[in-house]
Amino acid sequence: MEIFNVGPLELLLILILAVIVFGPEELVKYSRKAGRWIYKASKSEFWQSVVGTSKEIKDFPRQIMKDAQIEETMKEINALNQSIGSPPASKTLLEPDPAAPSPQEDEVPQKKEEPPKEN
């Protein structure tokens, strides 16, 4: 679990450093202040707009696919491929066909050049 891209071990290191720097008595006072500040910040209008914008950015590619009807088109292509016996389009686009000849097999054999004859 990560909060603000800070993992559990990093959080533990921060807490140990805080105890060393502030001491146990002052740490409680500063922790209370920090908690109140984080609570106020998370309830502010600015933070709500940042979170909303972040969600919109995450959903943007999905929305583009939905608007362009790419998913339906891929389903239609897969259905047509299955009816003619080809692999699904997503596999065709991502993986080479094992039955297809490799590019080396398609190449025309090159003649070996002979060294020039010495007279």
PDB file of N, CA and C in Angstrom:
ATOM      1  N   MET A   1       0.851  -1.178   0.000  1.00  0.00           N
ATOM      2  CA  MET A   1       0.000   0.000   0.000  1.00  0.00           C
ATOM      3  C   MET A   1       0.891   1.234   0.000  1.00  0.00           C
ATOM      4  N   GLU A   2       0.606   2.155  -0.896  1.00  0.00           N
ATOM      5  CA  GLU A   2       1.382   3.376  -0.968  1.00  0.00           C
ATOM      6  C   GLU A   2       0.463   4.580  -0.825  1.00  0.00           C
ATOM      7  N   ILE A   3       0.912   5.536  -0.042  1.00  0.00           N
ATOM      8  CA  ILE A   3       0.196   6.789   0.126  1.00  0.00           C
ATOM      9  C   ILE A   3       1.150   7.888  -0.309  1.00  0.00           C
ATOM     10  N   PHE A   4       0.739   8.708  -1.244  1.00  0.00           N
ATOM     11  CA  PHE A   4       1.588   9.763  -1.794  1.00  0.00           C
ATOM     12  C   PHE A   4       2.898   9.186  -2.335  1.00  0.00           C
ATOM     13  N   ASN A   5       2.821   8.003  -2.937  1.00  0.00           N
ATOM     14  CA  ASN A   5       3.987   7.299  -3.474  1.00  0.00           C
ATOM     15  C   ASN A   5       5.057   7.044  -2.411  1.00  0.00           C
ATOM     16  N   VAL A   6       4.642   6.853  -1.178  1.00  0.00           N
ATOM     17  CA  VAL A   6       5.551   6.518  -0.085  1.00  0.00           C
ATOM     18  C   VAL A   6       5.151   5.133   0.414  1.00  0.00           C
ATOM     19  N   GLY A   7       6.085   4.197   0.286  1.00  0.00           N
ATOM     20  CA  GLY A   7       5.823   2.830   0.715  1.00  0.00           C
ATOM     21  C   GLY A   7       5.952   2.659   2.210  1.00  0.00           C
ATOM     22  N   PRO A   8       5.630   1.485   2.732  1.00  0.00           N
ATOM     23  CA  PRO A   8       5.675   1.250   4.180  1.00  0.00           C
ATOM     24  C   PRO A   8       7.075   1.392   4.783  1.00  0.00           C
ATOM     25  N   LEU A   9       8.100   0.918   4.100  1.00  0.00           N
ATOM     26  CA  LEU A   9       9.453   1.042   4.649  1.00  0.00           C
ATOM     27  C   LEU A   9       9.914   2.501   4.662  1.00  0.00           C
ATOM     28  N   GLU A  10       9.558   3.240   3.626  1.00  0.00           N
ATOM     29  CA  GLU A  10       9.911   4.664   3.599  1.00  0.00           C
ATOM     30  C   GLU A  10       9.196   5.411   4.716  1.00  0.00           C
ATOM     31  N   LEU A  11       7.933   5.066   4.952  1.00  0.00           N
ATOM     32  CA  LEU A  11       7.170   5.697   6.024  1.00  0.00           C
ATOM     33  C   LEU A  11       7.790   5.386   7.387  1.00  0.00           C
ATOM     34  N   LEU A  12       8.233   4.155   7.583  1.00  0.00           N
ATOM     35  CA  LEU A  12       8.895   3.774   8.828  1.00  0.00           C
ATOM     36  C   LEU A  12      10.182   4.579   9.028  1.00  0.00           C
ATOM     37  N   LEU A  13      10.958   4.760   7.976  1.00  0.00           N
ATOM     38  CA  LEU A  13      12.179   5.553   8.062  1.00  0.00           C
ATOM     39  C   LEU A  13      11.865   6.995   8.428  1.00  0.00           C
ATOM     40  N   ILE A  14      10.827   7.563   7.829  1.00  0.00           N
ATOM     41  CA  ILE A  14      10.425   8.941   8.148  1.00  0.00           C
ATOM     42  C   ILE A  14      10.022   9.052   9.615  1.00  0.00           C
ATOM     43  N   LEU A  15       9.265   8.073  10.129  1.00  0.00           N
ATOM     44  CA  LEU A  15       8.845   8.102  11.535  1.00  0.00           C
ATOM     45  C   LEU A  15      10.042   8.000  12.486  1.00  0.00           C
ATOM     46  N   ILE A  16      11.000   7.141  12.159  1.00  0.00           N
ATOM     47  CA  ILE A  16      12.193   7.005  13.008  1.00  0.00           C
ATOM     48  C   ILE A  16      12.977   8.321  13.020  1.00  0.00           C
ATOM     49  N   LEU A  17      13.145   8.932  11.858  1.00  0.00           N
ATOM     50  CA  LEU A  17      13.848  10.212  11.791  1.00  0.00           C
ATOM     51  C   LEU A  17      13.102  11.296  12.566  1.00  0.00           C
ATOM     52  N   ALA A  18      11.767  11.283  12.493  1.00  0.00           N
ATOM     53  CA  ALA A  18      10.978  12.285  13.217  1.00  0.00           C
ATOM     54  C   ALA A  18      11.154  12.122  14.723  1.00  0.00           C
ATOM     55  N   VAL A  19      11.173  10.897  15.212  1.00  0.00           N
ATOM     56  CA  VAL A  19      11.374  10.666  16.651  1.00  0.00           C
ATOM     57  C   VAL A  19      12.755  11.155  17.064  1.00  0.00           C
ATOM     58  N   ILE A  20      13.749  10.901  16.229  1.00  0.00           N
ATOM     59  CA  ILE A  20      15.115  11.341  16.562  1.00  0.00           C
ATOM     60  C   ILE A  20      15.216  12.863  16.566  1.00  0.00           C
ATOM     61  N   VAL A  21      14.620  13.518  15.566  1.00  0.00           N
ATOM     62  CA  VAL A  21      14.750  14.973  15.430  1.00  0.00           C
ATOM     63  C   VAL A  21      13.903  15.715  16.460  1.00  0.00           C
ATOM     64  N   PHE A  22      12.636  15.340  16.615  1.00  0.00           N
ATOM     65  CA  PHE A  22      11.728  16.095  17.473  1.00  0.00           C
ATOM     66  C   PHE A  22      11.651  15.569  18.907  1.00  0.00           C
ATOM     67  N   GLY A  23      11.943  14.333  19.101  1.00  0.00           N
ATOM     68  CA  GLY A  23      11.784  13.745  20.431  1.00  0.00           C
ATOM     69  C   GLY A  23      10.358  13.253  20.600  1.00  0.00           C
ATOM     70  N   PRO A  24      10.119  12.348  21.544  1.00  0.00           N
ATOM     71  CA  PRO A  24       8.792  11.747  21.695  1.00  0.00           C
ATOM     72  C   PRO A  24       7.702  12.741  22.095  1.00  0.00           C
ATOM     73  N   GLU A  25       8.008  13.723  22.961  1.00  0.00           N
ATOM     74  CA  GLU A  25       6.968  14.657  23.415  1.00  0.00           C
ATOM     75  C   GLU A  25       6.564  15.625  22.303  1.00  0.00           C
ATOM     76  N   GLU A  26       7.563  16.173  21.635  1.00  0.00           N
ATOM     77  CA  GLU A  26       7.279  17.141  20.562  1.00  0.00           C
ATOM     78  C   GLU A  26       6.670  16.455  19.345  1.00  0.00           C
ATOM     79  N   LEU A  27       7.001  15.188  19.144  1.00  0.00           N
ATOM     80  CA  LEU A  27       6.490  14.455  17.995  1.00  0.00           C
ATOM     81  C   LEU A  27       4.967  14.390  18.025  1.00  0.00           C
ATOM     82  N   VAL A  28       4.381  14.214  19.204  1.00  0.00           N
ATOM     83  CA  VAL A  28       2.918  14.146  19.338  1.00  0.00           C
ATOM     84  C   VAL A  28       2.298  15.477  18.913  1.00  0.00           C
ATOM     85  N   LYS A  29       2.884  16.561  19.365  1.00  0.00           N
ATOM     86  CA  LYS A  29       2.352  17.892  19.043  1.00  0.00           C
ATOM     87  C   LYS A  29       2.448  18.169  17.541  1.00  0.00           C
ATOM     88  N   TYR A  30       3.612  17.868  16.947  1.00  0.00           N
ATOM     89  CA  TYR A  30       3.780  18.111  15.513  1.00  0.00           C
ATOM     90  C   TYR A  30       2.933  17.159  14.673  1.00  0.00           C
ATOM     91  N   SER A  31       2.745  15.945  15.149  1.00  0.00           N
ATOM     92  CA  SER A  31       1.902  14.984  14.428  1.00  0.00           C
ATOM     93  C   SER A  31       0.451  15.455  14.396  1.00  0.00           C
ATOM     94  N   ARG A  32      -0.024  15.978  15.517  1.00  0.00           N
ATOM     95  CA  ARG A  32      -1.384  16.490  15.586  1.00  0.00           C
ATOM     96  C   ARG A  32      -1.558  17.659  14.607  1.00  0.00           C
ATOM     97  N   LYS A  33      -0.572  18.563  14.574  1.00  0.00           N
ATOM     98  CA  LYS A  33      -0.637  19.695  13.647  1.00  0.00           C
ATOM     99  C   LYS A  33      -0.614  19.215  12.199  1.00  0.00           C
ATOM    100  N   ALA A  34       0.255  18.258  11.906  1.00  0.00           N
ATOM    101  CA  ALA A  34       0.345  17.732  10.546  1.00  0.00           C
ATOM    102  C   ALA A  34      -0.951  17.038  10.137  1.00  0.00           C
ATOM    103  N   GLY A  35      -1.552  16.292  11.058  1.00  0.00           N
ATOM    104  CA  GLY A  35      -2.823  15.620  10.762  1.00  0.00           C
ATOM    105  C   GLY A  35      -3.928  16.607  10.466  1.00  0.00           C
ATOM    106  N   ARG A  36      -4.005  17.685  11.248  1.00  0.00           N
ATOM    107  CA  ARG A  36      -5.022  18.708  10.987  1.00  0.00           C
ATOM    108  C   ARG A  36      -4.793  19.378   9.641  1.00  0.00           C
ATOM    109  N   TRP A  37      -3.521  19.668   9.332  1.00  0.00           N
ATOM    110  CA  TRP A  37      -3.208  20.325   8.062  1.00  0.00           C
ATOM    111  C   TRP A  37      -3.576  19.418   6.881  1.00  0.00           C
ATOM    112  N   ILE A  38      -3.256  18.113   6.961  1.00  0.00           N
ATOM    113  CA  ILE A  38      -3.593  17.168   5.885  1.00  0.00           C
ATOM    114  C   ILE A  38      -5.108  17.045   5.743  1.00  0.00           C
ATOM    115  N   TYR A  39      -5.825  17.022   6.867  1.00  0.00           N
ATOM    116  CA  TYR A  39      -7.285  16.927   6.819  1.00  0.00           C
ATOM    117  C   TYR A  39      -7.870  18.156   6.118  1.00  0.00           C
ATOM    118  N   LYS A  40      -7.395  19.352   6.502  1.00  0.00           N
ATOM    119  CA  LYS A  40      -7.899  20.570   5.864  1.00  0.00           C
ATOM    120  C   LYS A  40      -7.554  20.601   4.378  1.00  0.00           C
ATOM    121  N   ALA A  41      -6.348  20.174   4.042  1.00  0.00           N
ATOM    122  CA  ALA A  41      -5.931  20.179   2.640  1.00  0.00           C
ATOM    123  C   ALA A  41      -6.768  19.206   1.818  1.00  0.00           C
ATOM    124  N   SER A  42      -7.070  18.030   2.384  1.00  0.00           N
ATOM    125  CA  SER A  42      -7.840  17.041   1.631  1.00  0.00           C
ATOM    126  C   SER A  42      -9.295  17.447   1.448  1.00  0.00           C
ATOM    127  N   LYS A  43      -9.808  18.299   2.317  1.00  0.00           N
ATOM    128  CA  LYS A  43     -11.194  18.764   2.192  1.00  0.00           C
ATOM    129  C   LYS A  43     -11.308  20.059   1.392  1.00  0.00           C
ATOM    130  N   SER A  44     -10.185  20.646   1.012  1.00  0.00           N
ATOM    131  CA  SER A  44     -10.228  21.928   0.305  1.00  0.00           C
ATOM    132  C   SER A  44     -10.734  21.752  -1.130  1.00  0.00           C
ATOM    133  N   GLU A  45     -11.241  22.836  -1.691  1.00  0.00           N
ATOM    134  CA  GLU A  45     -11.747  22.819  -3.066  1.00  0.00           C
ATOM    135  C   GLU A  45     -10.631  22.518  -4.045  1.00  0.00           C
ATOM    136  N   PHE A  46      -9.456  23.097  -3.788  1.00  0.00           N
ATOM    137  CA  PHE A  46      -8.321  22.891  -4.695  1.00  0.00           C
ATOM    138  C   PHE A  46      -7.968  21.412  -4.789  1.00  0.00           C
ATOM    139  N   TRP A  47      -7.873  20.733  -3.642  1.00  0.00           N
ATOM    140  CA  TRP A  47      -7.519  19.314  -3.647  1.00  0.00           C
ATOM    141  C   TRP A  47      -8.588  18.484  -4.352  1.00  0.00           C
ATOM    142  N   GLN A  48      -9.854  18.835  -4.146  1.00  0.00           N
ATOM    143  CA  GLN A  48     -10.935  18.107  -4.810  1.00  0.00           C
ATOM    144  C   GLN A  48     -10.833  18.260  -6.330  1.00  0.00           C
ATOM    145  N   SER A  49     -10.476  19.468  -6.794  1.00  0.00           N
ATOM    146  CA  SER A  49     -10.332  19.667  -8.241  1.00  0.00           C
ATOM    147  C   SER A  49      -9.127  18.900  -8.781  1.00  0.00           C
ATOM    148  N   VAL A  50      -8.046  18.810  -7.997  1.00  0.00           N
ATOM    149  CA  VAL A  50      -6.876  18.044  -8.425  1.00  0.00           C
ATOM    150  C   VAL A  50      -7.226  16.562  -8.543  1.00  0.00           C
ATOM    151  N   VAL A  51      -7.931  16.036  -7.576  1.00  0.00           N
ATOM    152  CA  VAL A  51      -8.327  14.620  -7.600  1.00  0.00           C
ATOM    153  C   VAL A  51      -9.273  14.353  -8.771  1.00  0.00           C
ATOM    154  N   GLY A  52     -10.222  15.265  -9.003  1.00  0.00           N
ATOM    155  CA  GLY A  52     -11.147  15.102 -10.127  1.00  0.00           C
ATOM    156  C   GLY A  52     -10.426  15.135 -11.455  1.00  0.00           C
ATOM    157  N   THR A  53      -9.483  16.050 -11.601  1.00  0.00           N
ATOM    158  CA  THR A  53      -8.711  16.136 -12.838  1.00  0.00           C
ATOM    159  C   THR A  53      -7.874  14.881 -13.033  1.00  0.00           C
ATOM    160  N   SER A  54      -7.314  14.365 -11.968  1.00  0.00           N
ATOM    161  CA  SER A  54      -6.526  13.139 -12.043  1.00  0.00           C
ATOM    162  C   SER A  54      -7.384  11.971 -12.532  1.00  0.00           C
ATOM    163  N   LYS A  55      -8.594  11.860 -12.022  1.00  0.00           N
ATOM    164  CA  LYS A  55      -9.501  10.793 -12.467  1.00  0.00           C
ATOM    165  C   LYS A  55      -9.859  10.953 -13.935  1.00  0.00           C
ATOM    166  N   GLU A  56     -10.082  12.197 -14.373  1.00  0.00           N
ATOM    167  CA  GLU A  56     -10.402  12.446 -15.778  1.00  0.00           C
ATOM    168  C   GLU A  56      -9.241  12.038 -16.681  1.00  0.00           C
ATOM    169  N   ILE A  57      -8.023  12.348 -16.251  1.00  0.00           N
ATOM    170  CA  ILE A  57      -6.844  11.999 -17.049  1.00  0.00           C
ATOM    171  C   ILE A  57      -6.692  10.484 -17.136  1.00  0.00           C
ATOM    172  N   LYS A  58      -6.946   9.770 -16.037  1.00  0.00           N
ATOM    173  CA  LYS A  58      -6.853   8.313 -16.055  1.00  0.00           C
ATOM    174  C   LYS A  58      -7.912   7.690 -16.953  1.00  0.00           C
ATOM    175  N   ASP A  59      -9.107   8.282 -16.993  1.00  0.00           N
ATOM    176  CA  ASP A  59     -10.199   7.737 -17.794  1.00  0.00           C
ATOM    177  C   ASP A  59     -10.167   8.196 -19.250  1.00  0.00           C
ATOM    178  N   PHE A  60      -9.291   9.136 -19.592  1.00  0.00           N
ATOM    179  CA  PHE A  60      -9.271   9.710 -20.925  1.00  0.00           C
ATOM    180  C   PHE A  60      -9.023   8.681 -22.031  1.00  0.00           C
ATOM    181  N   PRO A  61      -8.003   7.802 -21.923  1.00  0.00           N
ATOM    182  CA  PRO A  61      -7.817   6.801 -22.996  1.00  0.00           C
ATOM    183  C   PRO A  61      -9.024   5.878 -23.155  1.00  0.00           C
ATOM    184  N   ARG A  62      -9.629   5.479 -22.058  1.00  0.00           N
ATOM    185  CA  ARG A  62     -10.803   4.614 -22.124  1.00  0.00           C
ATOM    186  C   ARG A  62     -11.957   5.333 -22.817  1.00  0.00           C
ATOM    187  N   GLN A  63     -12.109   6.614 -22.535  1.00  0.00           N
ATOM    188  CA  GLN A  63     -13.173   7.403 -23.149  1.00  0.00           C
ATOM    189  C   GLN A  63     -12.927   7.556 -24.656  1.00  0.00           C
ATOM    190  N   ILE A  64     -11.675   7.741 -25.048  1.00  0.00           N
ATOM    191  CA  ILE A  64     -11.355   7.858 -26.474  1.00  0.00           C
ATOM    192  C   ILE A  64     -11.694   6.561 -27.192  1.00  0.00           C
ATOM    193  N   MET A  65     -11.333   5.424 -26.588  1.00  0.00           N
ATOM    194  CA  MET A  65     -11.657   4.137 -27.205  1.00  0.00           C
ATOM    195  C   MET A  65     -13.160   3.961 -27.336  1.00  0.00           C
ATOM    196  N   LYS A  66     -13.889   4.389 -26.312  1.00  0.00           N
ATOM    197  CA  LYS A  66     -15.338   4.258 -26.345  1.00  0.00           C
ATOM    198  C   LYS A  66     -15.922   5.148 -27.435  1.00  0.00           C
ATOM    199  N   ASP A  67     -15.439   6.393 -27.521  1.00  0.00           N
ATOM    200  CA  ASP A  67     -15.950   7.316 -28.531  1.00  0.00           C
ATOM    201  C   ASP A  67     -15.615   6.859 -29.948  1.00  0.00           C
ATOM    202  N   ALA A  68     -14.438   6.283 -30.131  1.00  0.00           N
ATOM    203  CA  ALA A  68     -14.024   5.839 -31.461  1.00  0.00           C
ATOM    204  C   ALA A  68     -14.585   4.463 -31.801  1.00  0.00           C
ATOM    205  N   GLN A  69     -15.250   3.843 -30.878  1.00  0.00           N
ATOM    206  CA  GLN A  69     -15.857   2.524 -31.048  1.00  0.00           C
ATOM    207  C   GLN A  69     -14.819   1.480 -31.455  1.00  0.00           C
ATOM    208  N   ILE A  70     -13.625   1.596 -30.866  1.00  0.00           N
ATOM    209  CA  ILE A  70     -12.545   0.665 -31.187  1.00  0.00           C
ATOM    210  C   ILE A  70     -12.863  -0.732 -30.666  1.00  0.00           C
ATOM    211  N   GLU A  71     -13.453  -0.819 -29.480  1.00  0.00           N
ATOM    212  CA  GLU A  71     -13.749  -2.135 -28.915  1.00  0.00           C
ATOM    213  C   GLU A  71     -14.726  -2.912 -29.787  1.00  0.00           C
ATOM    214  N   GLU A  72     -15.772  -2.234 -30.270  1.00  0.00           N
ATOM    215  CA  GLU A  72     -16.736  -2.919 -31.125  1.00  0.00           C
ATOM    216  C   GLU A  72     -16.092  -3.347 -32.431  1.00  0.00           C
ATOM    217  N   THR A  73     -15.223  -2.492 -32.974  1.00  0.00           N
ATOM    218  CA  THR A  73     -14.550  -2.817 -34.222  1.00  0.00           C
ATOM    219  C   THR A  73     -13.643  -4.031 -34.034  1.00  0.00           C
ATOM    220  N   MET A  74     -12.915  -4.085 -32.908  1.00  0.00           N
ATOM    221  CA  MET A  74     -12.058  -5.240 -32.650  1.00  0.00           C
ATOM    222  C   MET A  74     -12.884  -6.519 -32.506  1.00  0.00           C
ATOM    223  N   LYS A  75     -14.046  -6.416 -31.859  1.00  0.00           N
ATOM    224  CA  LYS A  75     -14.912  -7.592 -31.727  1.00  0.00           C
ATOM    225  C   LYS A  75     -15.384  -8.063 -33.099  1.00  0.00           C
ATOM    226  N   GLU A  76     -15.738  -7.123 -33.979  1.00  0.00           N
ATOM    227  CA  GLU A  76     -16.180  -7.478 -35.334  1.00  0.00           C
ATOM    228  C   GLU A  76     -15.047  -8.131 -36.117  1.00  0.00           C
ATOM    229  N   ILE A  77     -13.846  -7.591 -36.000  1.00  0.00           N
ATOM    230  CA  ILE A  77     -12.693  -8.163 -36.708  1.00  0.00           C
ATOM    231  C   ILE A  77     -12.416  -9.569 -36.204  1.00  0.00           C
ATOM    232  N   ASN A  78     -12.469  -9.762 -34.887  1.00  0.00           N
ATOM    233  CA  ASN A  78     -12.243 -11.099 -34.325  1.00  0.00           C
ATOM    234  C   ASN A  78     -13.306 -12.081 -34.792  1.00  0.00           C
ATOM    235  N   ALA A  79     -14.555 -11.625 -34.856  1.00  0.00           N
ATOM    236  CA  ALA A  79     -15.628 -12.501 -35.322  1.00  0.00           C
ATOM    237  C   ALA A  79     -15.405 -12.891 -36.784  1.00  0.00           C
ATOM    238  N   LEU A  80     -15.007 -11.942 -37.619  1.00  0.00           N
ATOM    239  CA  LEU A  80     -14.731 -12.248 -39.026  1.00  0.00           C
ATOM    240  C   LEU A  80     -13.540 -13.187 -39.156  1.00  0.00           C
ATOM    241  N   ASN A  81     -12.505 -12.959 -38.360  1.00  0.00           N
ATOM    242  CA  ASN A  81     -11.331 -13.835 -38.413  1.00  0.00           C
ATOM    243  C   ASN A  81     -11.687 -15.255 -37.984  1.00  0.00           C
ATOM    244  N   GLN A  82     -12.536 -15.391 -36.965  1.00  0.00           N
ATOM    245  CA  GLN A  82     -12.929 -16.722 -36.519  1.00  0.00           C
ATOM    246  C   GLN A  82     -13.768 -17.419 -37.586  1.00  0.00           C
ATOM    247  N   SER A  83     -14.573 -16.653 -38.312  1.00  0.00           N
ATOM    248  CA  SER A  83     -15.407 -17.268 -39.343  1.00  0.00           C
ATOM    249  C   SER A  83     -14.566 -17.771 -40.516  1.00  0.00           C
ATOM    250  N   ILE A  84     -13.399 -17.155 -40.767  1.00  0.00           N
ATOM    251  CA  ILE A  84     -12.543 -17.633 -41.851  1.00  0.00           C
ATOM    252  C   ILE A  84     -11.401 -18.506 -41.339  1.00  0.00           C
ATOM    253  N   GLY A  85     -11.326 -18.682 -40.016  1.00  0.00           N
ATOM    254  CA  GLY A  85     -10.340 -19.591 -39.436  1.00  0.00           C
ATOM    255  C   GLY A  85      -9.008 -18.951 -39.091  1.00  0.00           C
ATOM    256  N   SER A  86      -8.922 -17.645 -39.048  1.00  0.00           N
ATOM    257  CA  SER A  86      -7.677 -16.961 -38.679  1.00  0.00           C
ATOM    258  C   SER A  86      -7.651 -16.732 -37.178  1.00  0.00           C
ATOM    259  N   PRO A  87      -6.465 -16.498 -36.621  1.00  0.00           N
ATOM    260  CA  PRO A  87      -6.394 -16.183 -35.189  1.00  0.00           C
ATOM    261  C   PRO A  87      -7.004 -14.810 -34.915  1.00  0.00           C
ATOM    262  N   PRO A  88      -7.383 -14.533 -33.674  1.00  0.00           N
ATOM    263  CA  PRO A  88      -7.962 -13.230 -33.340  1.00  0.00           C
ATOM    264  C   PRO A  88      -7.034 -12.080 -33.713  1.00  0.00           C
ATOM    265  N   ALA A  89      -7.622 -10.921 -34.012  1.00  0.00           N
ATOM    266  CA  ALA A  89      -6.860  -9.767 -34.485  1.00  0.00           C
ATOM    267  C   ALA A  89      -5.856  -9.295 -33.450  1.00  0.00           C
ATOM    268  N   SER A  90      -6.207  -9.348 -32.173  1.00  0.00           N
ATOM    269  CA  SER A  90      -5.275  -8.868 -31.153  1.00  0.00           C
ATOM    270  C   SER A  90      -4.011  -9.713 -31.144  1.00  0.00           C
ATOM    271  N   LYS A  91      -4.146 -11.025 -31.349  1.00  0.00           N
ATOM    272  CA  LYS A  91      -2.967 -11.877 -31.410  1.00  0.00           C
ATOM    273  C   LYS A  91      -2.214 -11.649 -32.711  1.00  0.00           C
ATOM    274  N   THR A  92      -2.955 -11.423 -33.800  1.00  0.00           N
ATOM    275  CA  THR A  92      -2.314 -11.197 -35.082  1.00  0.00           C
ATOM    276  C   THR A  92      -1.470  -9.938 -35.042  1.00  0.00           C
ATOM    277  N   LEU A  93      -1.966  -8.921 -34.376  1.00  0.00           N
ATOM    278  CA  LEU A  93      -1.240  -7.664 -34.327  1.00  0.00           C
ATOM    279  C   LEU A  93      -0.038  -7.735 -33.405  1.00  0.00           C
ATOM    280  N   LEU A  94      -0.108  -8.542 -32.358  1.00  0.00           N
ATOM    281  CA  LEU A  94       0.945  -8.553 -31.365  1.00  0.00           C
ATOM    282  C   LEU A  94       1.976  -9.656 -31.571  1.00  0.00           C
ATOM    283  N   GLU A  95       1.556 -10.802 -32.094  1.00  0.00           N
ATOM    284  CA  GLU A  95       2.448 -11.943 -32.205  1.00  0.00           C
ATOM    285  C   GLU A  95       2.587 -12.361 -33.664  1.00  0.00           C
ATOM    286  N   PRO A  96       3.786 -12.737 -34.098  1.00  0.00           N
ATOM    287  CA  PRO A  96       3.932 -13.215 -35.476  1.00  0.00           C
ATOM    288  C   PRO A  96       3.291 -14.588 -35.636  1.00  0.00           C
ATOM    289  N   ASP A  97       2.830 -14.863 -36.828  1.00  0.00           N
ATOM    290  CA  ASP A  97       2.200 -16.136 -37.127  1.00  0.00           C
ATOM    291  C   ASP A  97       3.291 -17.196 -37.250  1.00  0.00           C
ATOM    292  N   PRO A  98       3.237 -18.281 -36.434  1.00  0.00           N
ATOM    293  CA  PRO A  98       4.293 -19.292 -36.488  1.00  0.00           C
ATOM    294  C   PRO A  98       4.324 -20.045 -37.816  1.00  0.00           C
ATOM    295  N   ALA A  99       3.201 -20.119 -38.548  1.00  0.00           N
ATOM    296  CA  ALA A  99       3.154 -20.831 -39.814  1.00  0.00           C
ATOM    297  C   ALA A  99       3.737 -19.997 -40.944  1.00  0.00           C
ATOM    298  N   ALA A 100       3.820 -18.694 -40.760  1.00  0.00           N
ATOM    299  CA  ALA A 100       4.349 -17.819 -41.795  1.00  0.00           C
ATOM    300  C   ALA A 100       5.859 -18.008 -41.892  1.00  0.00           C
ATOM    301  N   PRO A 101       6.383 -17.943 -43.122  1.00  0.00           N
ATOM    302  CA  PRO A 101       7.831 -18.093 -43.263  1.00  0.00           C
ATOM    303  C   PRO A 101       8.555 -16.913 -42.628  1.00  0.00           C
ATOM    304  N   SER A 102       9.713 -17.195 -42.079  1.00  0.00           N
ATOM    305  CA  SER A 102      10.483 -16.116 -41.460  1.00  0.00           C
ATOM    306  C   SER A 102      11.079 -15.250 -42.559  1.00  0.00           C
ATOM    307  N   PRO A 103      11.444 -14.030 -42.260  1.00  0.00           N
ATOM    308  CA  PRO A 103      11.997 -13.151 -43.287  1.00  0.00           C
ATOM    309  C   PRO A 103      13.235 -13.730 -43.956  1.00  0.00           C
ATOM    310  N   GLN A 104      13.994 -14.555 -43.254  1.00  0.00           N
ATOM    311  CA  GLN A 104      15.188 -15.133 -43.843  1.00  0.00           C
ATOM    312  C   GLN A 104      14.842 -16.127 -44.937  1.00  0.00           C
ATOM    313  N   GLU A 105      13.710 -16.831 -44.810  1.00  0.00           N
ATOM    314  CA  GLU A 105      13.295 -17.803 -45.811  1.00  0.00           C
ATOM    315  C   GLU A 105      12.831 -17.125 -47.083  1.00  0.00           C
ATOM    316  N   ASP A 106      12.331 -15.895 -46.992  1.00  0.00           N
ATOM    317  CA  ASP A 106      11.832 -15.178 -48.154  1.00  0.00           C
ATOM    318  C   ASP A 106      12.952 -14.547 -48.971  1.00  0.00           C
ATOM    319  N   GLU A 107      14.118 -14.400 -48.406  1.00  0.00           N
ATOM    320  CA  GLU A 107      15.200 -13.711 -49.090  1.00  0.00           C
ATOM    321  C   GLU A 107      15.707 -14.542 -50.254  1.00  0.00           C
ATOM    322  N   VAL A 108      16.128 -13.853 -51.297  1.00  0.00           N
ATOM    323  CA  VAL A 108      16.708 -14.508 -52.459  1.00  0.00           C
ATOM    324  C   VAL A 108      18.167 -14.820 -52.124  1.00  0.00           C
ATOM    325  N   PRO A 109      18.628 -16.030 -52.413  1.00  0.00           N
ATOM    326  CA  PRO A 109      20.016 -16.354 -52.084  1.00  0.00           C
ATOM    327  C   PRO A 109      20.968 -15.449 -52.858  1.00  0.00           C
ATOM    328  N   GLN A 110      21.966 -14.973 -52.190  1.00  0.00           N
ATOM    329  CA  GLN A 110      22.960 -14.092 -52.795  1.00  0.00           C
ATOM    330  C   GLN A 110      24.104 -14.946 -53.352  1.00  0.00           C
ATOM    331  N   LYS A 111      24.622 -14.517 -54.501  1.00  0.00           N
ATOM    332  CA  LYS A 111      25.774 -15.201 -55.063  1.00  0.00           C
ATOM    333  C   LYS A 111      27.010 -14.766 -54.292  1.00  0.00           C
ATOM    334  N   LYS A 112      27.847 -15.707 -54.042  1.00  0.00           N
ATOM    335  CA  LYS A 112      29.099 -15.391 -53.373  1.00  0.00           C
ATOM    336  C   LYS A 112      30.040 -14.790 -54.403  1.00  0.00           C
ATOM    337  N   GLU A 113      30.643 -13.698 -54.051  1.00  0.00           N
ATOM    338  CA  GLU A 113      31.581 -13.091 -54.974  1.00  0.00           C
ATOM    339  C   GLU A 113      32.900 -13.837 -54.891  1.00  0.00           C
ATOM    340  N   GLU A 114      33.410 -14.135 -56.073  1.00  0.00           N
ATOM    341  CA  GLU A 114      34.682 -14.817 -56.136  1.00  0.00           C
ATOM    342  C   GLU A 114      35.793 -13.779 -56.099  1.00  0.00           C
ATOM    343  N   PRO A 115      36.899 -14.094 -55.476  1.00  0.00           N
ATOM    344  CA  PRO A 115      38.009 -13.135 -55.483  1.00  0.00           C
ATOM    345  C   PRO A 115      38.526 -12.938 -56.906  1.00  0.00           C
ATOM    346  N   PRO A 116      39.029 -11.759 -57.187  1.00  0.00           N
ATOM    347  CA  PRO A 116      39.538 -11.520 -58.566  1.00  0.00           C
ATOM    348  C   PRO A 116      40.694 -12.472 -58.889  1.00  0.00           C
ATOM    349  N   LYS A 117      40.673 -12.883 -60.101  1.00  0.00           N
ATOM    350  CA  LYS A 117      41.728 -13.803 -60.552  1.00  0.00           C
ATOM    351  C   LYS A 117      43.007 -13.029 -60.807  1.00  0.00           C
ATOM    352  N   GLU A 118      44.076 -13.609 -60.378  1.00  0.00           N
ATOM    353  CA  GLU A 118      45.375 -12.983 -60.605  1.00  0.00           C
ATOM    354  C   GLU A 118      45.969 -13.509 -61.892  1.00  0.00           C
ATOM    355  N   ASN A 119      46.480 -12.620 -62.732  1.00  0.00           N
ATOM    356  CA  ASN A 119      47.094 -13.022 -64.003  1.00  0.00           C
ATOM    357  C   ASN A 119      48.582 -13.137 -63.898  1.00  0.00           C
TER     358      ASN A 119
END
